[in-house]
N, C-alpha and C. Protein backbone atom coordinates (compact mmCIF):
# COMPACT_ATOMS: atom_id res chain seq x y z
N MET A 1 18.05 63.43 -26.86
CA MET A 1 17.83 61.98 -26.81
C MET A 1 18.88 61.40 -27.66
N THR A 2 19.73 60.57 -27.07
CA THR A 2 20.72 59.73 -27.99
C THR A 2 20.12 58.68 -28.99
N GLU A 3 20.87 58.38 -30.01
CA GLU A 3 20.41 57.32 -30.73
C GLU A 3 20.04 56.11 -30.33
N SER A 4 20.96 55.63 -29.30
CA SER A 4 20.93 54.42 -28.52
C SER A 4 19.28 54.67 -27.71
N ASP A 5 19.30 55.71 -26.92
CA ASP A 5 17.98 55.93 -26.18
C ASP A 5 16.84 55.69 -27.05
N ALA A 6 16.64 56.42 -28.13
CA ALA A 6 15.66 56.29 -29.19
C ALA A 6 15.48 54.82 -29.58
N ARG A 7 16.40 53.97 -29.90
CA ARG A 7 16.61 52.63 -30.28
C ARG A 7 15.99 51.80 -29.07
N ASN A 8 16.40 51.88 -28.04
CA ASN A 8 15.98 51.22 -26.73
C ASN A 8 14.40 51.52 -26.37
N ILE A 9 14.09 52.67 -26.67
CA ILE A 9 12.59 53.20 -26.29
C ILE A 9 11.68 52.56 -27.24
N SER A 10 12.35 52.48 -28.50
CA SER A 10 11.54 51.97 -29.60
C SER A 10 11.50 50.44 -29.54
N ARG A 11 12.27 49.77 -28.99
CA ARG A 11 12.17 48.38 -28.80
C ARG A 11 11.26 48.04 -27.66
N ILE A 12 11.17 48.94 -26.62
CA ILE A 12 10.36 48.72 -25.33
C ILE A 12 8.89 48.78 -26.13
N ILE A 13 8.64 49.86 -26.73
CA ILE A 13 7.54 50.07 -27.44
C ILE A 13 6.98 48.90 -28.29
N GLU A 14 7.67 48.36 -28.84
CA GLU A 14 7.78 47.16 -29.72
C GLU A 14 7.33 46.01 -29.21
N PHE A 15 8.02 45.57 -28.01
CA PHE A 15 7.54 44.66 -27.24
C PHE A 15 6.35 44.63 -26.33
N SER A 16 6.11 46.01 -25.96
CA SER A 16 4.76 46.34 -25.49
C SER A 16 3.55 46.10 -26.38
N CYS A 17 3.78 46.44 -27.60
CA CYS A 17 2.85 46.30 -28.58
C CYS A 17 2.52 44.79 -28.91
N VAL A 18 3.64 43.85 -29.03
CA VAL A 18 3.66 42.51 -29.23
C VAL A 18 2.88 41.91 -28.05
N LEU A 19 3.14 42.18 -26.88
CA LEU A 19 2.43 41.78 -25.66
C LEU A 19 1.05 41.75 -25.83
N ALA A 20 0.70 43.11 -26.08
CA ALA A 20 -0.75 43.47 -26.01
C ALA A 20 -1.50 42.78 -27.08
N GLU A 21 -0.71 42.60 -28.43
CA GLU A 21 -1.42 41.94 -29.56
C GLU A 21 -1.57 40.23 -29.32
N MET A 22 -0.48 39.63 -28.62
CA MET A 22 -0.58 38.46 -28.13
C MET A 22 -1.82 38.22 -27.34
N ILE A 23 -2.05 39.03 -26.36
CA ILE A 23 -3.01 39.05 -25.38
C ILE A 23 -4.39 39.04 -26.11
N ALA A 24 -4.50 40.05 -26.85
CA ALA A 24 -5.81 40.12 -27.51
C ALA A 24 -6.01 38.91 -28.58
N GLU A 25 -5.00 38.61 -29.41
CA GLU A 25 -5.35 37.45 -30.34
C GLU A 25 -5.73 36.21 -29.62
N ARG A 26 -5.07 36.07 -28.57
CA ARG A 26 -5.34 34.69 -28.00
C ARG A 26 -6.20 34.75 -26.71
N GLY A 27 -6.85 35.92 -26.44
CA GLY A 27 -7.96 36.25 -25.57
C GLY A 27 -7.32 35.67 -24.10
N ILE A 28 -6.09 36.07 -23.96
CA ILE A 28 -5.52 35.71 -22.60
C ILE A 28 -6.17 36.58 -21.56
N THR A 29 -6.68 35.90 -20.56
CA THR A 29 -7.40 36.56 -19.43
C THR A 29 -6.37 36.71 -18.15
N PRO A 30 -6.78 37.71 -17.15
CA PRO A 30 -5.99 37.61 -16.05
C PRO A 30 -5.99 36.40 -15.22
N GLU A 31 -7.01 35.71 -15.37
CA GLU A 31 -7.06 34.31 -14.42
C GLU A 31 -6.17 33.34 -15.17
N GLU A 32 -6.01 33.38 -16.57
CA GLU A 32 -5.22 32.51 -17.24
C GLU A 32 -3.65 32.61 -17.00
N ILE A 33 -3.33 33.96 -16.94
CA ILE A 33 -2.04 34.20 -16.26
C ILE A 33 -1.76 33.89 -14.76
N ARG A 34 -2.78 34.12 -14.14
CA ARG A 34 -2.49 33.52 -12.73
C ARG A 34 -2.43 31.95 -12.51
N ARG A 35 -2.86 31.26 -13.36
CA ARG A 35 -2.90 29.73 -13.23
C ARG A 35 -2.30 29.01 -14.14
N ASP A 36 -1.89 29.30 -15.33
CA ASP A 36 -1.34 28.56 -16.52
C ASP A 36 0.02 28.98 -16.64
N ARG A 37 0.93 27.96 -16.46
CA ARG A 37 2.41 28.11 -16.59
C ARG A 37 2.95 28.50 -17.88
N PHE A 38 2.21 27.96 -18.81
CA PHE A 38 2.75 28.30 -20.37
C PHE A 38 2.28 29.75 -20.74
N THR A 39 1.11 30.13 -20.31
CA THR A 39 0.82 31.75 -20.44
C THR A 39 1.67 32.40 -19.64
N GLN A 40 1.99 32.05 -18.24
CA GLN A 40 3.04 32.87 -17.48
C GLN A 40 4.43 33.04 -18.18
N TRP A 41 4.98 31.96 -18.95
CA TRP A 41 6.02 32.04 -19.48
C TRP A 41 5.97 33.01 -20.97
N ALA A 42 4.86 32.96 -21.59
CA ALA A 42 4.58 33.52 -22.69
C ALA A 42 4.47 35.16 -22.34
N VAL A 43 3.74 35.63 -21.25
CA VAL A 43 3.79 36.93 -21.14
C VAL A 43 5.07 37.56 -20.38
N THR A 44 5.71 36.57 -19.53
CA THR A 44 6.86 37.13 -19.09
C THR A 44 7.99 37.41 -20.01
N THR A 45 8.18 36.78 -21.06
CA THR A 45 9.17 36.86 -21.98
C THR A 45 9.19 38.34 -22.38
N PRO A 46 8.13 38.91 -22.82
CA PRO A 46 8.30 40.28 -23.25
C PRO A 46 8.53 41.28 -22.23
N LEU A 47 8.20 41.04 -20.93
CA LEU A 47 8.52 41.69 -19.88
C LEU A 47 9.98 41.88 -19.63
N TYR A 48 10.51 40.57 -19.68
CA TYR A 48 11.97 40.68 -19.34
C TYR A 48 12.56 41.63 -20.53
N ASN A 49 12.21 41.56 -21.91
CA ASN A 49 13.01 42.23 -22.75
C ASN A 49 12.52 43.97 -22.36
N ILE A 50 11.42 44.31 -22.17
CA ILE A 50 11.00 45.54 -21.61
C ILE A 50 11.97 45.94 -20.59
N GLY A 51 12.13 45.21 -19.65
CA GLY A 51 12.98 45.63 -18.46
C GLY A 51 14.43 45.77 -18.77
N GLU A 52 14.86 44.81 -19.67
CA GLU A 52 16.25 44.80 -20.06
C GLU A 52 16.52 46.09 -21.13
N PHE A 53 15.72 46.51 -21.87
CA PHE A 53 15.80 47.73 -22.67
C PHE A 53 15.69 48.89 -22.02
N THR A 54 14.90 48.91 -20.93
CA THR A 54 14.88 49.98 -20.03
C THR A 54 16.00 50.15 -19.33
N SER A 55 16.82 49.11 -18.98
CA SER A 55 17.80 49.37 -17.97
C SER A 55 19.07 50.00 -18.90
N HIS A 56 18.89 50.02 -20.40
CA HIS A 56 19.98 50.45 -21.15
C HIS A 56 19.72 51.85 -21.67
N VAL A 57 18.37 52.54 -20.99
CA VAL A 57 18.14 53.85 -21.31
C VAL A 57 19.19 54.37 -20.42
N SER A 58 19.78 55.72 -21.06
CA SER A 58 20.76 56.51 -20.32
C SER A 58 20.29 56.97 -19.05
N ARG A 59 21.18 57.28 -18.12
CA ARG A 59 20.82 57.88 -16.74
C ARG A 59 20.36 59.35 -17.10
N GLU A 60 20.87 59.94 -17.97
CA GLU A 60 20.80 61.25 -18.34
C GLU A 60 19.18 61.46 -18.76
N LEU A 61 18.68 60.49 -19.64
CA LEU A 61 17.40 60.81 -20.24
C LEU A 61 16.23 60.34 -19.06
N ARG A 62 16.90 59.32 -18.08
CA ARG A 62 15.99 58.96 -17.00
C ARG A 62 15.65 60.14 -16.13
N MET A 63 16.94 60.81 -15.88
CA MET A 63 16.79 62.05 -14.94
C MET A 63 16.11 63.24 -15.60
N LEU A 64 16.14 63.31 -16.65
CA LEU A 64 15.35 64.30 -17.46
C LEU A 64 13.85 64.07 -17.34
N HIS A 65 13.44 62.81 -17.31
CA HIS A 65 11.99 62.35 -17.31
C HIS A 65 11.55 61.41 -15.84
N PRO A 66 11.84 62.08 -14.77
CA PRO A 66 11.45 61.25 -13.68
C PRO A 66 9.96 60.90 -13.50
N GLU A 67 9.02 61.50 -14.43
CA GLU A 67 7.76 61.11 -14.17
C GLU A 67 7.52 59.58 -14.95
N ILE A 68 8.48 59.16 -15.74
CA ILE A 68 8.34 57.89 -16.49
C ILE A 68 8.76 56.67 -15.50
N PRO A 69 8.18 55.70 -15.00
CA PRO A 69 8.71 54.74 -14.13
C PRO A 69 9.86 53.81 -14.49
N TRP A 70 11.04 54.28 -15.03
CA TRP A 70 12.10 53.45 -15.37
C TRP A 70 12.39 52.36 -14.41
N SER A 71 12.51 52.61 -13.25
CA SER A 71 13.20 51.92 -12.34
C SER A 71 12.12 50.75 -11.92
N ARG A 72 10.77 50.97 -12.28
CA ARG A 72 9.63 49.89 -11.82
C ARG A 72 9.77 48.90 -13.04
N ALA A 73 10.05 49.39 -14.21
CA ALA A 73 10.15 48.63 -15.37
C ALA A 73 11.32 47.65 -15.38
N ALA A 74 12.61 48.37 -15.18
CA ALA A 74 13.63 47.52 -15.01
C ALA A 74 13.82 46.58 -13.75
N GLY A 75 13.09 46.97 -12.63
CA GLY A 75 13.13 46.28 -11.52
C GLY A 75 12.23 45.16 -11.65
N LEU A 76 11.17 45.00 -12.42
CA LEU A 76 10.20 44.02 -12.79
C LEU A 76 11.07 42.91 -13.36
N ARG A 77 11.79 43.22 -14.22
CA ARG A 77 12.48 42.26 -15.03
C ARG A 77 13.33 41.55 -14.15
N HIS A 78 14.17 42.19 -13.02
CA HIS A 78 14.98 41.47 -12.19
C HIS A 78 14.27 40.54 -11.23
N ARG A 79 13.04 41.20 -10.90
CA ARG A 79 12.30 40.22 -9.73
C ARG A 79 11.70 38.88 -10.58
N LEU A 80 11.30 39.18 -11.64
CA LEU A 80 10.91 37.80 -12.75
C LEU A 80 12.05 36.95 -13.05
N VAL A 81 13.13 37.53 -13.31
CA VAL A 81 14.33 36.66 -13.93
C VAL A 81 15.09 35.87 -12.64
N HIS A 82 15.04 36.52 -11.40
CA HIS A 82 15.59 35.98 -10.38
C HIS A 82 14.74 35.43 -9.30
N ASP A 83 13.21 35.52 -9.65
CA ASP A 83 12.21 34.92 -8.91
C ASP A 83 12.33 35.21 -7.26
N TYR A 84 12.66 36.40 -6.98
CA TYR A 84 12.77 36.65 -5.53
C TYR A 84 11.45 36.43 -4.79
N GLU A 85 11.60 35.47 -3.98
CA GLU A 85 10.71 35.14 -3.22
C GLU A 85 9.34 34.53 -3.78
N GLY A 86 9.67 33.98 -5.14
CA GLY A 86 8.35 33.87 -5.99
C GLY A 86 7.54 34.91 -6.64
N THR A 87 6.96 34.47 -7.58
CA THR A 87 6.32 35.63 -8.48
C THR A 87 4.85 35.70 -8.03
N ASN A 88 4.38 37.10 -7.68
CA ASN A 88 3.07 37.60 -7.41
C ASN A 88 2.30 37.49 -8.71
N TRP A 89 1.60 36.60 -9.15
CA TRP A 89 1.01 36.75 -10.46
C TRP A 89 -0.26 37.95 -10.67
N ASP A 90 -0.49 38.28 -9.30
CA ASP A 90 -1.63 39.16 -9.27
C ASP A 90 -0.92 40.62 -9.70
N ILE A 91 0.46 40.82 -9.22
CA ILE A 91 1.09 41.93 -9.75
C ILE A 91 1.34 41.98 -11.19
N VAL A 92 1.78 40.91 -11.67
CA VAL A 92 2.06 40.59 -13.00
C VAL A 92 0.70 41.03 -13.86
N VAL A 93 -0.41 40.35 -13.33
CA VAL A 93 -1.69 40.65 -14.27
C VAL A 93 -1.82 42.30 -14.51
N GLU A 94 -1.53 42.99 -13.08
CA GLU A 94 -1.83 44.43 -13.09
C GLU A 94 -0.75 45.15 -14.18
N VAL A 95 0.56 44.59 -14.19
CA VAL A 95 1.38 45.46 -15.01
C VAL A 95 1.36 45.06 -16.34
N VAL A 96 0.66 43.72 -16.80
CA VAL A 96 0.31 43.50 -18.06
C VAL A 96 -0.96 44.33 -18.80
N PHE A 97 -1.79 44.31 -17.99
CA PHE A 97 -3.01 45.04 -18.34
C PHE A 97 -3.17 46.50 -18.08
N CYS A 98 -2.30 46.89 -17.25
CA CYS A 98 -2.37 48.31 -16.98
C CYS A 98 -1.12 49.04 -16.98
N ASP A 99 -0.13 48.67 -16.42
CA ASP A 99 1.14 49.37 -16.43
C ASP A 99 1.91 49.54 -17.71
N ILE A 100 1.87 48.37 -18.39
CA ILE A 100 2.67 48.37 -19.76
C ILE A 100 2.07 49.30 -20.50
N PRO A 101 0.96 48.92 -20.87
CA PRO A 101 0.18 50.06 -21.92
C PRO A 101 0.39 51.54 -21.59
N ALA A 102 0.32 51.89 -20.18
CA ALA A 102 0.40 53.15 -19.84
C ALA A 102 2.00 53.74 -20.17
N TYR A 103 2.87 52.75 -19.77
CA TYR A 103 4.32 53.11 -19.84
C TYR A 103 4.61 53.21 -21.33
N ALA A 104 4.20 52.39 -22.19
CA ALA A 104 4.29 52.46 -23.54
C ALA A 104 3.89 53.79 -24.10
N ALA A 105 2.45 54.08 -23.75
CA ALA A 105 2.14 55.40 -24.29
C ALA A 105 3.09 56.62 -23.53
N GLN A 106 3.59 56.48 -22.46
CA GLN A 106 4.41 57.65 -22.14
C GLN A 106 5.85 57.77 -23.10
N LEU A 107 6.24 56.76 -23.32
CA LEU A 107 7.34 56.47 -24.16
C LEU A 107 7.04 56.94 -25.38
N GLU A 108 5.96 56.56 -26.14
CA GLU A 108 5.57 56.97 -27.48
C GLU A 108 5.44 58.71 -27.44
N ALA A 109 4.83 59.05 -26.39
CA ALA A 109 4.80 60.68 -26.21
C ALA A 109 6.06 61.25 -26.14
N LEU A 110 6.89 60.42 -25.60
CA LEU A 110 8.33 61.12 -25.29
C LEU A 110 9.01 61.23 -26.76
N LEU A 111 8.93 60.09 -27.52
CA LEU A 111 9.48 60.06 -28.78
C LEU A 111 8.87 60.99 -29.75
N GLU A 112 7.62 61.12 -29.71
CA GLU A 112 6.99 62.24 -30.52
C GLU A 112 7.51 63.58 -29.93
N ALA A 113 7.47 63.92 -28.76
CA ALA A 113 8.09 65.37 -28.42
C ALA A 113 9.38 65.52 -29.10
N GLU A 114 10.17 64.39 -28.89
CA GLU A 114 11.58 64.56 -29.57
C GLU A 114 11.69 64.64 -31.14
N GLY A 115 10.45 64.46 -31.66
CA GLY A 115 10.46 64.13 -33.15
C GLY A 115 10.91 63.12 -33.85
N ILE A 116 10.87 62.06 -33.15
CA ILE A 116 11.38 60.61 -33.70
C ILE A 116 10.31 59.73 -33.73
């Protein structure tokens, strides 16, 4: 793993943790994400960053670990930023509460396996 990959993965984990902490501290619910524009903006900003850092992970590392959903994380950022056909907030809720914690755990395990 390159130093750049390690740095990008560390940032993904950091933004994932900040998102989880923000949700917990503020008691943000799935329903609040579905209906409140301010909450939507607050939770999508870390998702943009997670997707951006994911897109900068090297192709070589992504190919070595196809079990990690690299394309889904990077693709979500593009969909949110460009608002292709509107945002499906039910999907964002699933990503925020299920997919991102699992993604971060996979990345933490990868760094640990690499001794980082």
